[in-house]
Protein backbone atom coordinates (compact mmCIF):
# COMPACT_ATOMS: atom_id res chain seq x y z
CA UNK A 1 0.00 0.00 0.00
CA UNK A 2 2.86 2.36 0.83
CA UNK A 3 4.39 1.86 -2.62
CA UNK A 4 1.10 2.72 -4.33
CA UNK A 5 0.76 5.89 -2.25
CA UNK A 6 4.29 6.99 -3.13
CA UNK A 7 3.63 6.40 -6.83
CA UNK A 8 0.38 8.37 -6.54
CA UNK A 9 2.36 11.15 -4.87
CA UNK A 10 4.70 11.10 -7.85
CA UNK A 11 1.86 11.55 -10.29
CA UNK A 12 0.45 14.39 -8.17
CA UNK A 13 3.86 16.07 -8.06
CA UNK A 14 4.16 15.69 -11.83
CA UNK A 15 0.77 17.31 -12.28
CA UNK A 16 1.77 20.19 -10.02
CA UNK A 17 5.04 20.69 -11.92
CA UNK A 18 3.34 20.62 -15.32
CA UNK A 19 0.60 23.00 -14.17
CA UNK A 20 3.19 25.37 -12.74
CA UNK A 21 5.03 25.24 -16.06
CA UNK A 22 1.83 25.88 -17.97
CA UNK A 23 0.90 28.86 -15.80
CA UNK A 24 4.34 30.44 -16.00
CA UNK A 25 4.93 30.28 -19.70
CA UNK A 26 3.10 27.80 -21.88
CA UNK A 27 4.13 24.53 -23.47
CA UNK A 28 7.87 25.26 -23.56
CA UNK A 29 8.02 25.62 -19.83
CA UNK A 30 5.83 22.54 -19.43
CA UNK A 31 8.65 20.55 -21.06
CA UNK A 32 11.20 22.13 -18.72
CA UNK A 33 8.94 21.38 -15.76
CA UNK A 34 8.73 17.72 -16.84
CA UNK A 35 12.54 17.56 -17.07
CA UNK A 36 12.87 19.14 -13.63
CA UNK A 37 10.31 16.69 -12.24
CA UNK A 38 12.40 13.73 -13.41
CA UNK A 39 15.39 15.01 -11.44
CA UNK A 40 13.29 15.79 -8.36
CA UNK A 41 11.57 12.42 -8.53
CA UNK A 42 14.86 10.54 -8.90
CA UNK A 43 16.06 12.17 -5.69
CA UNK A 44 12.76 11.47 -3.90
CA UNK A 45 12.76 7.81 -5.00
CA UNK A 46 16.38 7.50 -3.89
CA UNK A 47 15.52 8.91 -0.47
CA UNK A 48 12.65 6.41 -0.23
CA UNK A 49 15.07 3.59 -1.07
CA UNK A 50 17.53 4.84 1.55
CA UNK A 51 14.77 4.86 4.17
CA UNK A 52 13.89 1.28 3.26
CA UNK A 53 17.50 0.16 3.59
CA UNK A 54 18.64 2.26 6.55
CA UNK A 55 15.51 2.44 8.68
CA UNK A 56 13.28 -0.48 7.71
CA UNK A 57 16.08 -3.03 7.46
CA UNK A 58 15.65 -4.18 3.86
CA UNK A 59 18.68 -5.00 1.75
CA UNK A 60 19.60 -3.01 -1.34
CA UNK A 61 18.70 -6.04 -3.47
CA UNK A 62 15.22 -6.10 -1.93
CA UNK A 63 14.69 -2.35 -2.32
CA UNK A 64 16.06 -1.95 -5.86
CA UNK A 65 13.01 -3.37 -7.72
CA UNK A 66 10.71 -1.19 -5.61
CA UNK A 67 12.91 1.84 -6.33
CA UNK A 68 12.74 1.14 -10.06
CA UNK A 69 8.96 0.80 -9.96
CA UNK A 70 8.48 3.93 -7.86
CA UNK A 71 10.76 5.96 -10.12
CA UNK A 72 9.80 4.53 -13.51
CA UNK A 73 6.02 4.98 -13.55
CA UNK A 74 5.85 8.74 -12.87
CA UNK A 75 9.07 9.34 -14.83
CA UNK A 76 7.56 7.57 -17.85
CA UNK A 77 4.54 9.88 -17.62
CA UNK A 78 6.92 12.86 -17.45
CA UNK A 79 8.74 11.48 -20.48
CA UNK A 80 5.45 11.34 -22.33
CA UNK A 81 4.76 15.01 -21.47
CA UNK A 82 8.28 15.87 -22.61
CA UNK A 83 7.79 14.01 -25.91
CA UNK A 84 4.26 15.30 -26.53
CA UNK A 85 4.97 19.00 -26.00
CA UNK A 86 8.49 19.34 -27.40
PDB file of N, CA and C in Angstrom:
ATOM      1  N   UNK A   1       0.822  -1.194   0.000  1.00  0.00           N
ATOM      2  CA  UNK A   1       0.000   0.000   0.000  1.00  0.00           C
ATOM      3  C   UNK A   1       0.863   1.254   0.000  1.00  0.00           C
ATOM      4  N   UNK A   2       1.975   1.201   0.754  1.00  0.00           N
ATOM      5  CA  UNK A   2       2.858   2.362   0.829  1.00  0.00           C
ATOM      6  C   UNK A   2       3.450   2.680  -0.543  1.00  0.00           C
ATOM      7  N   UNK A   3       3.822   1.649  -1.294  1.00  0.00           N
ATOM      8  CA  UNK A   3       4.389   1.859  -2.623  1.00  0.00           C
ATOM      9  C   UNK A   3       3.380   2.542  -3.536  1.00  0.00           C
ATOM     10  N   UNK A   4       2.140   2.106  -3.490  1.00  0.00           N
ATOM     11  CA  UNK A   4       1.103   2.720  -4.326  1.00  0.00           C
ATOM     12  C   UNK A   4       0.889   4.186  -3.955  1.00  0.00           C
ATOM     13  N   UNK A   5       0.937   4.494  -2.675  1.00  0.00           N
ATOM     14  CA  UNK A   5       0.763   5.886  -2.247  1.00  0.00           C
ATOM     15  C   UNK A   5       1.928   6.760  -2.699  1.00  0.00           C
ATOM     16  N   UNK A   6       3.129   6.214  -2.673  1.00  0.00           N
ATOM     17  CA  UNK A   6       4.285   6.988  -3.127  1.00  0.00           C
ATOM     18  C   UNK A   6       4.203   7.223  -4.631  1.00  0.00           C
ATOM     19  N   UNK A   7       3.792   6.225  -5.383  1.00  0.00           N
ATOM     20  CA  UNK A   7       3.627   6.402  -6.828  1.00  0.00           C
ATOM     21  C   UNK A   7       2.537   7.430  -7.113  1.00  0.00           C
ATOM     22  N   UNK A   8       1.441   7.367  -6.393  1.00  0.00           N
ATOM     23  CA  UNK A   8       0.382   8.366  -6.538  1.00  0.00           C
ATOM     24  C   UNK A   8       0.920   9.759  -6.229  1.00  0.00           C
ATOM     25  N   UNK A   9       1.726   9.870  -5.187  1.00  0.00           N
ATOM     26  CA  UNK A   9       2.356  11.149  -4.869  1.00  0.00           C
ATOM     27  C   UNK A   9       3.235  11.641  -6.003  1.00  0.00           C
ATOM     28  N   UNK A  10       3.892  10.728  -6.688  1.00  0.00           N
ATOM     29  CA  UNK A  10       4.703  11.102  -7.845  1.00  0.00           C
ATOM     30  C   UNK A  10       3.866  11.668  -8.972  1.00  0.00           C
ATOM     31  N   UNK A  11       2.738  11.033  -9.240  1.00  0.00           N
ATOM     32  CA  UNK A  11       1.857  11.551 -10.287  1.00  0.00           C
ATOM     33  C   UNK A  11       1.281  12.911  -9.904  1.00  0.00           C
ATOM     34  N   UNK A  12       0.962  13.086  -8.628  1.00  0.00           N
ATOM     35  CA  UNK A  12       0.453  14.386  -8.173  1.00  0.00           C
ATOM     36  C   UNK A  12       1.528  15.460  -8.285  1.00  0.00           C
ATOM     37  N   UNK A  13       2.760  15.122  -7.922  1.00  0.00           N
ATOM     38  CA  UNK A  13       3.862  16.075  -8.061  1.00  0.00           C
ATOM     39  C   UNK A  13       4.112  16.411  -9.526  1.00  0.00           C
ATOM     40  N   UNK A  14       4.017  15.426 -10.402  1.00  0.00           N
ATOM     41  CA  UNK A  14       4.160  15.688 -11.835  1.00  0.00           C
ATOM     42  C   UNK A  14       3.080  16.645 -12.310  1.00  0.00           C
ATOM     43  N   UNK A  15       1.852  16.406 -11.899  1.00  0.00           N
ATOM     44  CA  UNK A  15       0.766  17.312 -12.275  1.00  0.00           C
ATOM     45  C   UNK A  15       1.003  18.721 -11.789  1.00  0.00           C
ATOM     46  N   UNK A  16       1.490  18.855 -10.562  1.00  0.00           N
ATOM     47  CA  UNK A  16       1.773  20.188 -10.020  1.00  0.00           C
ATOM     48  C   UNK A  16       2.895  20.862 -10.799  1.00  0.00           C
ATOM     49  N   UNK A  17       3.932  20.113 -11.150  1.00  0.00           N
ATOM     50  CA  UNK A  17       5.039  20.689 -11.921  1.00  0.00           C
ATOM     51  C   UNK A  17       4.581  21.131 -13.306  1.00  0.00           C
ATOM     52  N   UNK A  18       3.809  20.283 -13.974  1.00  0.00           N
ATOM     53  CA  UNK A  18       3.345  20.621 -15.320  1.00  0.00           C
ATOM     54  C   UNK A  18       2.387  21.808 -15.280  1.00  0.00           C
ATOM     55  N   UNK A  19       1.493  21.845 -14.302  1.00  0.00           N
ATOM     56  CA  UNK A  19       0.598  23.000 -14.174  1.00  0.00           C
ATOM     57  C   UNK A  19       1.371  24.275 -13.882  1.00  0.00           C
ATOM     58  N   UNK A  20       2.371  24.195 -13.024  1.00  0.00           N
ATOM     59  CA  UNK A  20       3.195  25.374 -12.739  1.00  0.00           C
ATOM     60  C   UNK A  20       3.915  25.831 -14.002  1.00  0.00           C
ATOM     61  N   UNK A  21       4.398  24.884 -14.790  1.00  0.00           N
ATOM     62  CA  UNK A  21       5.031  25.237 -16.056  1.00  0.00           C
ATOM     63  C   UNK A  21       4.055  25.860 -17.032  1.00  0.00           C
ATOM     64  N   UNK A  22       2.865  25.337 -17.077  1.00  0.00           N
ATOM     65  CA  UNK A  22       1.828  25.877 -17.972  1.00  0.00           C
ATOM     66  C   UNK A  22       1.452  27.299 -17.575  1.00  0.00           C
ATOM     67  N   UNK A  23       1.303  27.536 -16.271  1.00  0.00           N
ATOM     68  CA  UNK A  23       0.898  28.859 -15.796  1.00  0.00           C
ATOM     69  C   UNK A  23       1.994  29.897 -15.975  1.00  0.00           C
ATOM     70  N   UNK A  24       3.249  29.466 -15.925  1.00  0.00           N
ATOM     71  CA  UNK A  24       4.336  30.440 -15.996  1.00  0.00           C
ATOM     72  C   UNK A  24       4.803  30.745 -17.402  1.00  0.00           C
ATOM     73  N   UNK A  25       4.433  29.928 -18.384  1.00  0.00           N
ATOM     74  CA  UNK A  25       4.933  30.284 -19.699  1.00  0.00           C
ATOM     75  C   UNK A  25       4.503  29.444 -20.873  1.00  0.00           C
ATOM     76  N   UNK A  26       3.585  28.556 -20.730  1.00  0.00           N
ATOM     77  CA  UNK A  26       3.101  27.805 -21.876  1.00  0.00           C
ATOM     78  C   UNK A  26       3.763  26.447 -22.022  1.00  0.00           C
ATOM     79  N   UNK A  27       3.704  25.907 -23.245  1.00  0.00           N
ATOM     80  CA  UNK A  27       4.133  24.529 -23.469  1.00  0.00           C
ATOM     81  C   UNK A  27       5.643  24.359 -23.355  1.00  0.00           C
ATOM     82  N   UNK A  28       6.417  25.369 -23.696  1.00  0.00           N
ATOM     83  CA  UNK A  28       7.869  25.258 -23.564  1.00  0.00           C
ATOM     84  C   UNK A  28       8.299  25.060 -22.128  1.00  0.00           C
ATOM     85  N   UNK A  29       7.672  25.789 -21.241  1.00  0.00           N
ATOM     86  CA  UNK A  29       8.020  25.623 -19.829  1.00  0.00           C
ATOM     87  C   UNK A  29       7.400  24.355 -19.239  1.00  0.00           C
ATOM     88  N   UNK A  30       6.363  23.833 -19.872  1.00  0.00           N
ATOM     89  CA  UNK A  30       5.831  22.540 -19.435  1.00  0.00           C
ATOM     90  C   UNK A  30       6.874  21.447 -19.652  1.00  0.00           C
ATOM     91  N   UNK A  31       7.586  21.521 -20.770  1.00  0.00           N
ATOM     92  CA  UNK A  31       8.646  20.554 -21.056  1.00  0.00           C
ATOM     93  C   UNK A  31       9.766  20.687 -20.028  1.00  0.00           C
ATOM     94  N   UNK A  32      10.164  21.923 -19.732  1.00  0.00           N
ATOM     95  CA  UNK A  32      11.205  22.133 -18.722  1.00  0.00           C
ATOM     96  C   UNK A  32      10.749  21.649 -17.350  1.00  0.00           C
ATOM     97  N   UNK A  33       9.478  21.853 -17.035  1.00  0.00           N
ATOM     98  CA  UNK A  33       8.942  21.377 -15.756  1.00  0.00           C
ATOM     99  C   UNK A  33       8.972  19.852 -15.694  1.00  0.00           C
ATOM    100  N   UNK A  34       8.675  19.184 -16.806  1.00  0.00           N
ATOM    101  CA  UNK A  34       8.732  17.720 -16.836  1.00  0.00           C
ATOM    102  C   UNK A  34      10.167  17.236 -16.641  1.00  0.00           C
ATOM    103  N   UNK A  35      11.125  17.916 -17.253  1.00  0.00           N
ATOM    104  CA  UNK A  35      12.536  17.557 -17.067  1.00  0.00           C
ATOM    105  C   UNK A  35      12.956  17.753 -15.614  1.00  0.00           C
ATOM    106  N   UNK A  36      12.550  18.865 -15.031  1.00  0.00           N
ATOM    107  CA  UNK A  36      12.872  19.137 -13.631  1.00  0.00           C
ATOM    108  C   UNK A  36      12.223  18.102 -12.715  1.00  0.00           C
ATOM    109  N   UNK A  37      10.994  17.708 -13.036  1.00  0.00           N
ATOM    110  CA  UNK A  37      10.311  16.691 -12.236  1.00  0.00           C
ATOM    111  C   UNK A  37      11.103  15.395 -12.217  1.00  0.00           C
ATOM    112  N   UNK A  38      11.654  14.986 -13.351  1.00  0.00           N
ATOM    113  CA  UNK A  38      12.400  13.725 -13.407  1.00  0.00           C
ATOM    114  C   UNK A  38      13.572  13.758 -12.428  1.00  0.00           C
ATOM    115  N   UNK A  39      14.265  14.885 -12.374  1.00  0.00           N
ATOM    116  CA  UNK A  39      15.389  15.010 -11.436  1.00  0.00           C
ATOM    117  C   UNK A  39      14.891  14.976  -9.989  1.00  0.00           C
ATOM    118  N   UNK A  40      13.848  15.757  -9.713  1.00  0.00           N
ATOM    119  CA  UNK A  40      13.290  15.790  -8.356  1.00  0.00           C
ATOM    120  C   UNK A  40      12.795  14.405  -7.949  1.00  0.00           C
ATOM    121  N   UNK A  41      12.133  13.722  -8.858  1.00  0.00           N
ATOM    122  CA  UNK A  41      11.566  12.418  -8.531  1.00  0.00           C
ATOM    123  C   UNK A  41      12.652  11.359  -8.351  1.00  0.00           C
ATOM    124  N   UNK A  42      13.742  11.460  -9.098  1.00  0.00           N
ATOM    125  CA  UNK A  42      14.859  10.540  -8.904  1.00  0.00           C
ATOM    126  C   UNK A  42      15.427  10.687  -7.493  1.00  0.00           C
ATOM    127  N   UNK A  43      15.567  11.927  -7.045  1.00  0.00           N
ATOM    128  CA  UNK A  43      16.061  12.175  -5.687  1.00  0.00           C
ATOM    129  C   UNK A  43      15.070  11.643  -4.652  1.00  0.00           C
ATOM    130  N   UNK A  44      13.780  11.918  -4.854  1.00  0.00           N
ATOM    131  CA  UNK A  44      12.764  11.465  -3.901  1.00  0.00           C
ATOM    132  C   UNK A  44      12.703   9.940  -3.838  1.00  0.00           C
ATOM    133  N   UNK A  45      12.776   9.278  -4.987  1.00  0.00           N
ATOM    134  CA  UNK A  45      12.756   7.812  -4.997  1.00  0.00           C
ATOM    135  C   UNK A  45      14.016   7.252  -4.345  1.00  0.00           C
ATOM    136  N   UNK A  46      15.145   7.921  -4.543  1.00  0.00           N
ATOM    137  CA  UNK A  46      16.382   7.504  -3.887  1.00  0.00           C
ATOM    138  C   UNK A  46      16.304   7.637  -2.377  1.00  0.00           C
ATOM    139  N   UNK A  47      15.704   8.727  -1.908  1.00  0.00           N
ATOM    140  CA  UNK A  47      15.516   8.905  -0.466  1.00  0.00           C
ATOM    141  C   UNK A  47      14.601   7.810   0.077  1.00  0.00           C
ATOM    142  N   UNK A  48      13.549   7.487  -0.662  1.00  0.00           N
ATOM    143  CA  UNK A  48      12.651   6.410  -0.233  1.00  0.00           C
ATOM    144  C   UNK A  48      13.400   5.079  -0.146  1.00  0.00           C
ATOM    145  N   UNK A  49      14.287   4.823  -1.109  1.00  0.00           N
ATOM    146  CA  UNK A  49      15.072   3.593  -1.071  1.00  0.00           C
ATOM    147  C   UNK A  49      16.013   3.608   0.135  1.00  0.00           C
ATOM    148  N   UNK A  50      16.631   4.740   0.400  1.00  0.00           N
ATOM    149  CA  UNK A  50      17.529   4.842   1.548  1.00  0.00           C
ATOM    150  C   UNK A  50      16.776   4.565   2.851  1.00  0.00           C
ATOM    151  N   UNK A  51      15.569   5.100   2.971  1.00  0.00           N
ATOM    152  CA  UNK A  51      14.767   4.856   4.173  1.00  0.00           C
ATOM    153  C   UNK A  51      14.474   3.364   4.312  1.00  0.00           C
ATOM    154  N   UNK A  52      14.155   2.717   3.209  1.00  0.00           N
ATOM    155  CA  UNK A  52      13.886   1.284   3.258  1.00  0.00           C
ATOM    156  C   UNK A  52      15.094   0.473   3.684  1.00  0.00           C
ATOM    157  N   UNK A  53      16.276   0.897   3.239  1.00  0.00           N
ATOM    158  CA  UNK A  53      17.496   0.163   3.585  1.00  0.00           C
ATOM    159  C   UNK A  53      17.973   0.522   4.991  1.00  0.00           C
ATOM    160  N   UNK A  54      18.044   1.813   5.290  1.00  0.00           N
ATOM    161  CA  UNK A  54      18.644   2.261   6.552  1.00  0.00           C
ATOM    162  C   UNK A  54      17.699   2.123   7.743  1.00  0.00           C
ATOM    163  N   UNK A  55      16.445   2.408   7.545  1.00  0.00           N
ATOM    164  CA  UNK A  55      15.515   2.442   8.676  1.00  0.00           C
ATOM    165  C   UNK A  55      14.655   1.187   8.794  1.00  0.00           C
ATOM    166  N   UNK A  56      14.190   0.664   7.657  1.00  0.00           N
ATOM    167  CA  UNK A  56      13.280  -0.483   7.708  1.00  0.00           C
ATOM    168  C   UNK A  56      14.012  -1.822   7.700  1.00  0.00           C
ATOM    169  N   UNK A  57      15.301  -1.806   7.384  1.00  0.00           N
ATOM    170  CA  UNK A  57      16.076  -3.033   7.460  1.00  0.00           C
ATOM    171  C   UNK A  57      16.080  -3.901   6.216  1.00  0.00           C
ATOM    172  N   UNK A  58      15.597  -3.404   5.098  1.00  0.00           N
ATOM    173  CA  UNK A  58      15.649  -4.180   3.863  1.00  0.00           C
ATOM    174  C   UNK A  58      17.044  -4.087   3.259  1.00  0.00           C
ATOM    175  N   UNK A  59      17.398  -5.065   2.448  1.00  0.00           N
ATOM    176  CA  UNK A  59      18.680  -5.004   1.752  1.00  0.00           C
ATOM    177  C   UNK A  59      18.512  -4.182   0.476  1.00  0.00           C
ATOM    178  N   UNK A  60      19.639  -3.773  -0.091  1.00  0.00           N
ATOM    179  CA  UNK A  60      19.599  -3.014  -1.344  1.00  0.00           C
ATOM    180  C   UNK A  60      18.968  -3.866  -2.442  1.00  0.00           C
ATOM    181  N   UNK A  61      19.274  -5.151  -2.462  1.00  0.00           N
ATOM    182  CA  UNK A  61      18.703  -6.045  -3.470  1.00  0.00           C
ATOM    183  C   UNK A  61      17.185  -6.151  -3.340  1.00  0.00           C
ATOM    184  N   UNK A  62      16.674  -6.060  -2.127  1.00  0.00           N
ATOM    185  CA  UNK A  62      15.222  -6.100  -1.928  1.00  0.00           C
ATOM    186  C   UNK A  62      14.571  -4.774  -2.313  1.00  0.00           C
ATOM    187  N   UNK A  63      15.259  -3.675  -2.066  1.00  0.00           N
ATOM    188  CA  UNK A  63      14.688  -2.355  -2.322  1.00  0.00           C
ATOM    189  C   UNK A  63      14.823  -1.908  -3.772  1.00  0.00           C
ATOM    190  N   UNK A  64      15.809  -2.425  -4.501  1.00  0.00           N
ATOM    191  CA  UNK A  64      16.063  -1.953  -5.862  1.00  0.00           C
ATOM    192  C   UNK A  64      14.873  -2.123  -6.803  1.00  0.00           C
ATOM    193  N   UNK A  65      14.181  -3.270  -6.832  1.00  0.00           N
ATOM    194  CA  UNK A  65      13.012  -3.366  -7.719  1.00  0.00           C
ATOM    195  C   UNK A  65      11.898  -2.386  -7.343  1.00  0.00           C
ATOM    196  N   UNK A  66      11.721  -2.144  -6.056  1.00  0.00           N
ATOM    197  CA  UNK A  66      10.707  -1.189  -5.611  1.00  0.00           C
ATOM    198  C   UNK A  66      11.104   0.216  -6.036  1.00  0.00           C
ATOM    199  N   UNK A  67      12.397   0.546  -5.885  1.00  0.00           N
ATOM    200  CA  UNK A  67      12.906   1.842  -6.332  1.00  0.00           C
ATOM    201  C   UNK A  67      12.633   2.038  -7.818  1.00  0.00           C
ATOM    202  N   UNK A  68      12.945   1.025  -8.617  1.00  0.00           N
ATOM    203  CA  UNK A  68      12.740   1.141 -10.062  1.00  0.00           C
ATOM    204  C   UNK A  68      11.271   1.349 -10.402  1.00  0.00           C
ATOM    205  N   UNK A  69      10.394   0.641  -9.731  1.00  0.00           N
ATOM    206  CA  UNK A  69       8.960   0.799  -9.963  1.00  0.00           C
ATOM    207  C   UNK A  69       8.489   2.186  -9.552  1.00  0.00           C
ATOM    208  N   UNK A  70       8.897   2.616  -8.366  1.00  0.00           N
ATOM    209  CA  UNK A  70       8.477   3.925  -7.860  1.00  0.00           C
ATOM    210  C   UNK A  70       8.988   5.041  -8.765  1.00  0.00           C
ATOM    211  N   UNK A  71      10.215   4.914  -9.254  1.00  0.00           N
ATOM    212  CA  UNK A  71      10.760   5.959 -10.120  1.00  0.00           C
ATOM    213  C   UNK A  71      10.186   5.885 -11.530  1.00  0.00           C
ATOM    214  N   UNK A  72      10.085   4.683 -12.085  1.00  0.00           N
ATOM    215  CA  UNK A  72       9.796   4.529 -13.507  1.00  0.00           C
ATOM    216  C   UNK A  72       8.391   4.961 -13.911  1.00  0.00           C
ATOM    217  N   UNK A  73       7.395   4.663 -13.124  1.00  0.00           N
ATOM    218  CA  UNK A  73       6.025   4.975 -13.549  1.00  0.00           C
ATOM    219  C   UNK A  73       5.781   6.480 -13.693  1.00  0.00           C
ATOM    220  N   UNK A  74       6.033   7.301 -12.670  1.00  0.00           N
ATOM    221  CA  UNK A  74       5.846   8.741 -12.866  1.00  0.00           C
ATOM    222  C   UNK A  74       6.851   9.343 -13.854  1.00  0.00           C
ATOM    223  N   UNK A  75       8.079   8.817 -13.889  1.00  0.00           N
ATOM    224  CA  UNK A  75       9.071   9.336 -14.832  1.00  0.00           C
ATOM    225  C   UNK A  75       8.668   9.032 -16.271  1.00  0.00           C
ATOM    226  N   UNK A  76       8.044   7.889 -16.508  1.00  0.00           N
ATOM    227  CA  UNK A  76       7.556   7.575 -17.853  1.00  0.00           C
ATOM    228  C   UNK A  76       6.447   8.540 -18.261  1.00  0.00           C
ATOM    229  N   UNK A  77       5.580   8.887 -17.330  1.00  0.00           N
ATOM    230  CA  UNK A  77       4.539   9.878 -17.624  1.00  0.00           C
ATOM    231  C   UNK A  77       5.167  11.235 -17.917  1.00  0.00           C
ATOM    232  N   UNK A  78       6.213  11.599 -17.178  1.00  0.00           N
ATOM    233  CA  UNK A  78       6.917  12.858 -17.449  1.00  0.00           C
ATOM    234  C   UNK A  78       7.602  12.802 -18.809  1.00  0.00           C
ATOM    235  N   UNK A  79       8.149  11.647 -19.151  1.00  0.00           N
ATOM    236  CA  UNK A  79       8.744  11.482 -20.477  1.00  0.00           C
ATOM    237  C   UNK A  79       7.717  11.638 -21.580  1.00  0.00           C
ATOM    238  N   UNK A  80       6.517  11.157 -21.346  1.00  0.00           N
ATOM    239  CA  UNK A  80       5.450  11.344 -22.327  1.00  0.00           C
ATOM    240  C   UNK A  80       5.116  12.819 -22.490  1.00  0.00           C
ATOM    241  N   UNK A  81       5.024  13.562 -21.392  1.00  0.00           N
ATOM    242  CA  UNK A  81       4.762  15.010 -21.467  1.00  0.00           C
ATOM    243  C   UNK A  81       5.885  15.692 -22.226  1.00  0.00           C
ATOM    244  N   UNK A  82       7.111  15.307 -21.938  1.00  0.00           N
ATOM    245  CA  UNK A  82       8.283  15.869 -22.607  1.00  0.00           C
ATOM    246  C   UNK A  82       8.189  15.611 -24.110  1.00  0.00           C
ATOM    247  N   UNK A  83       7.877  14.371 -24.507  1.00  0.00           N
ATOM    248  CA  UNK A  83       7.789  14.014 -25.911  1.00  0.00           C
ATOM    249  C   UNK A  83       6.614  14.717 -26.598  1.00  0.00           C
ATOM    250  N   UNK A  84       5.482  14.769 -25.935  1.00  0.00           N
ATOM    251  CA  UNK A  84       4.258  15.303 -26.534  1.00  0.00           C
ATOM    252  C   UNK A  84       4.355  16.805 -26.793  1.00  0.00           C
ATOM    253  N   UNK A  85       4.987  17.547 -25.895  1.00  0.00           N
ATOM    254  CA  UNK A  85       4.973  18.997 -25.999  1.00  0.00           C
ATOM    255  C   UNK A  85       6.284  19.590 -26.492  1.00  0.00           C
ATOM    256  N   UNK A  86       7.253  18.767 -26.874  1.00  0.00           N
ATOM    257  CA  UNK A  86       8.494  19.338 -27.399  1.00  0.00           C
ATOM    258  C   UNK A  86       8.511  19.329 -28.915  1.00  0.00           C
TER     259      UNK A  86
END
